[in-house]
Amino acid sequence: MPIDFQQDRPIYQQLMDRLSNEIVRGDRMPGDKLPSVREYAVDTGVNPNTVSRVYRELEQLTIVESRRGQGTFVTEDQKRLNQLREELKERQIDRFITEMKQLGFSENEMIQGLQAKAKGEGN
């Protein structure tokens, strides 16, 4: 199913984020085979060259690995996957803090709001 992409970010980066999130969430497990370039291009509604770039970039980041004649697979390096998880967490936290500061919230207000939400209050 084609994806609605954000206009302000390159499509390949959005697809990299999407796959990284799926891996961190456990939707794609270590050692899982990714769809072929052509298949993923059709699924997402993008050019196969874009998917090739996504797979190449993820491979350079050691998140996936290509196996000649077999395809592209999620790395089985648990240390790297844990590192990816932490990187994504830090990115989300940084984004949250930046946006909240732009709205004028203090550190205490952010912490109180997070604690209340985590406890299920203020829904």
Protein backbone atom coordinates (compact mmCIF):
# COMPACT_ATOMS: atom_id res chain seq x y z
CA MET A 1 0.00 0.00 0.00
CA PRO A 2 1.55 3.34 -1.02
CA ILE A 3 2.68 5.58 1.81
CA ASP A 4 1.83 9.24 2.34
CA PHE A 5 5.25 10.81 2.52
CA GLN A 6 6.15 14.10 4.22
CA GLN A 7 7.06 16.77 1.71
CA ASP A 8 9.85 18.25 3.82
CA ARG A 9 12.10 15.14 3.99
CA PRO A 10 13.61 12.93 1.30
CA ILE A 11 11.58 9.78 0.67
CA TYR A 12 14.60 7.50 1.13
CA GLN A 13 15.15 8.88 4.65
CA GLN A 14 11.50 8.32 5.52
CA LEU A 15 11.74 4.73 4.31
CA MET A 16 14.96 4.23 6.29
CA ASP A 17 13.17 5.49 9.40
CA ARG A 18 10.18 3.27 8.69
CA LEU A 19 12.32 0.12 8.38
CA SER A 20 14.44 1.06 11.41
CA ASN A 21 11.28 1.57 13.48
CA GLU A 22 9.89 -1.79 12.34
CA ILE A 23 13.14 -3.47 13.38
CA VAL A 24 13.23 -1.77 16.79
CA ARG A 25 9.55 -2.59 17.43
CA GLY A 26 10.19 -6.22 16.60
CA ASP A 27 8.02 -6.26 13.49
CA ARG A 28 11.16 -7.36 11.64
CA MET A 29 13.33 -9.71 13.64
CA PRO A 30 17.10 -10.29 13.48
CA GLY A 31 17.82 -12.46 10.46
CA ASP A 32 14.49 -11.69 8.76
CA LYS A 33 14.64 -11.26 5.03
CA LEU A 34 13.48 -7.89 3.73
CA PRO A 35 11.24 -7.75 0.66
CA SER A 36 13.06 -7.59 -2.66
CA VAL A 37 13.79 -4.11 -3.98
CA ARG A 38 11.08 -4.46 -6.60
CA GLU A 39 8.52 -5.82 -4.12
CA TYR A 40 9.16 -3.08 -1.54
CA ALA A 41 9.02 -0.43 -4.27
CA VAL A 42 5.59 -1.67 -5.33
CA ASP A 43 4.41 -1.95 -1.70
CA THR A 44 5.45 1.61 -0.88
CA GLY A 45 4.73 3.21 -4.25
CA VAL A 46 8.26 4.47 -4.85
CA ASN A 47 10.89 4.00 -7.54
CA PRO A 48 13.03 0.84 -7.16
CA ASN A 49 16.15 3.05 -7.26
CA THR A 50 14.91 4.72 -4.07
CA VAL A 51 14.53 1.35 -2.34
CA SER A 52 18.00 0.32 -3.54
CA ARG A 53 19.39 3.45 -1.92
CA VAL A 54 17.49 2.71 1.32
CA TYR A 55 18.90 -0.82 1.50
CA ARG A 56 22.41 0.43 0.64
CA GLU A 57 22.29 3.13 3.33
CA LEU A 58 20.94 0.70 5.94
CA GLU A 59 23.71 -1.71 5.04
CA GLN A 60 26.34 1.00 5.51
CA LEU A 61 24.84 1.61 8.96
CA THR A 62 25.12 -2.16 9.62
CA ILE A 63 21.40 -2.44 10.29
CA VAL A 64 20.90 -4.86 7.39
CA GLU A 65 23.22 -7.07 5.39
CA SER A 66 23.09 -8.21 1.80
CA ARG A 67 23.75 -11.82 0.96
CA ARG A 68 24.66 -12.43 -2.65
CA GLY A 69 21.90 -14.27 -4.45
CA GLN A 70 19.71 -14.41 -1.33
CA GLY A 71 18.60 -10.87 -0.61
CA THR A 72 18.81 -8.34 2.19
CA PHE A 73 18.41 -9.37 5.83
CA VAL A 74 18.08 -7.64 9.19
CA THR A 75 21.39 -7.91 11.02
CA GLU A 76 21.68 -10.55 13.70
CA ASP A 77 24.13 -8.36 15.64
CA GLN A 78 22.08 -7.76 18.81
CA LYS A 79 24.57 -5.18 20.06
CA ARG A 80 24.00 -3.12 16.90
CA LEU A 81 20.22 -3.50 17.21
CA ASN A 82 20.34 -2.32 20.83
CA GLN A 83 22.44 0.63 19.70
CA LEU A 84 19.86 1.43 17.00
CA ARG A 85 17.10 1.31 19.60
CA GLU A 86 18.98 3.80 21.80
CA GLU A 87 19.68 6.07 18.81
CA LEU A 88 16.00 6.18 17.90
CA LYS A 89 15.03 6.84 21.52
CA GLU A 90 17.51 9.72 21.76
CA ARG A 91 16.26 11.20 18.49
CA GLN A 92 12.65 11.14 19.72
CA ILE A 93 13.60 12.65 23.08
CA ASP A 94 15.63 15.41 21.40
CA ARG A 95 12.73 16.20 19.06
CA PHE A 96 10.26 16.26 21.97
CA ILE A 97 12.43 18.56 24.09
CA THR A 98 13.09 20.94 21.20
CA GLU A 99 9.39 21.23 20.36
CA MET A 100 8.33 21.64 23.99
CA LYS A 101 10.94 24.38 24.55
CA GLN A 102 9.67 26.14 21.43
CA LEU A 103 6.21 26.07 23.01
CA GLY A 104 7.62 27.63 26.18
CA PHE A 105 7.47 24.65 28.53
CA SER A 106 10.03 24.32 31.31
CA GLU A 107 11.98 21.16 32.07
CA ASN A 108 9.82 20.57 35.16
CA GLU A 109 6.61 20.92 33.16
CA MET A 110 7.91 18.42 30.60
CA ILE A 111 8.86 15.90 33.28
CA GLN A 112 5.55 16.29 35.13
CA GLY A 113 3.63 15.89 31.89
CA LEU A 114 5.57 12.76 30.94
CA GLN A 115 5.14 11.22 34.38
CA ALA A 116 1.39 11.91 34.34
CA LYS A 117 1.01 10.39 30.87
CA ALA A 118 3.11 7.35 31.80
CA LYS A 119 0.82 6.75 34.81
CA GLY A 120 -2.24 7.08 32.58
CA GLU A 121 -3.34 10.43 33.97
CA GLY A 122 -4.44 13.32 31.84
CA ASN A 123 -5.77 11.25 28.95
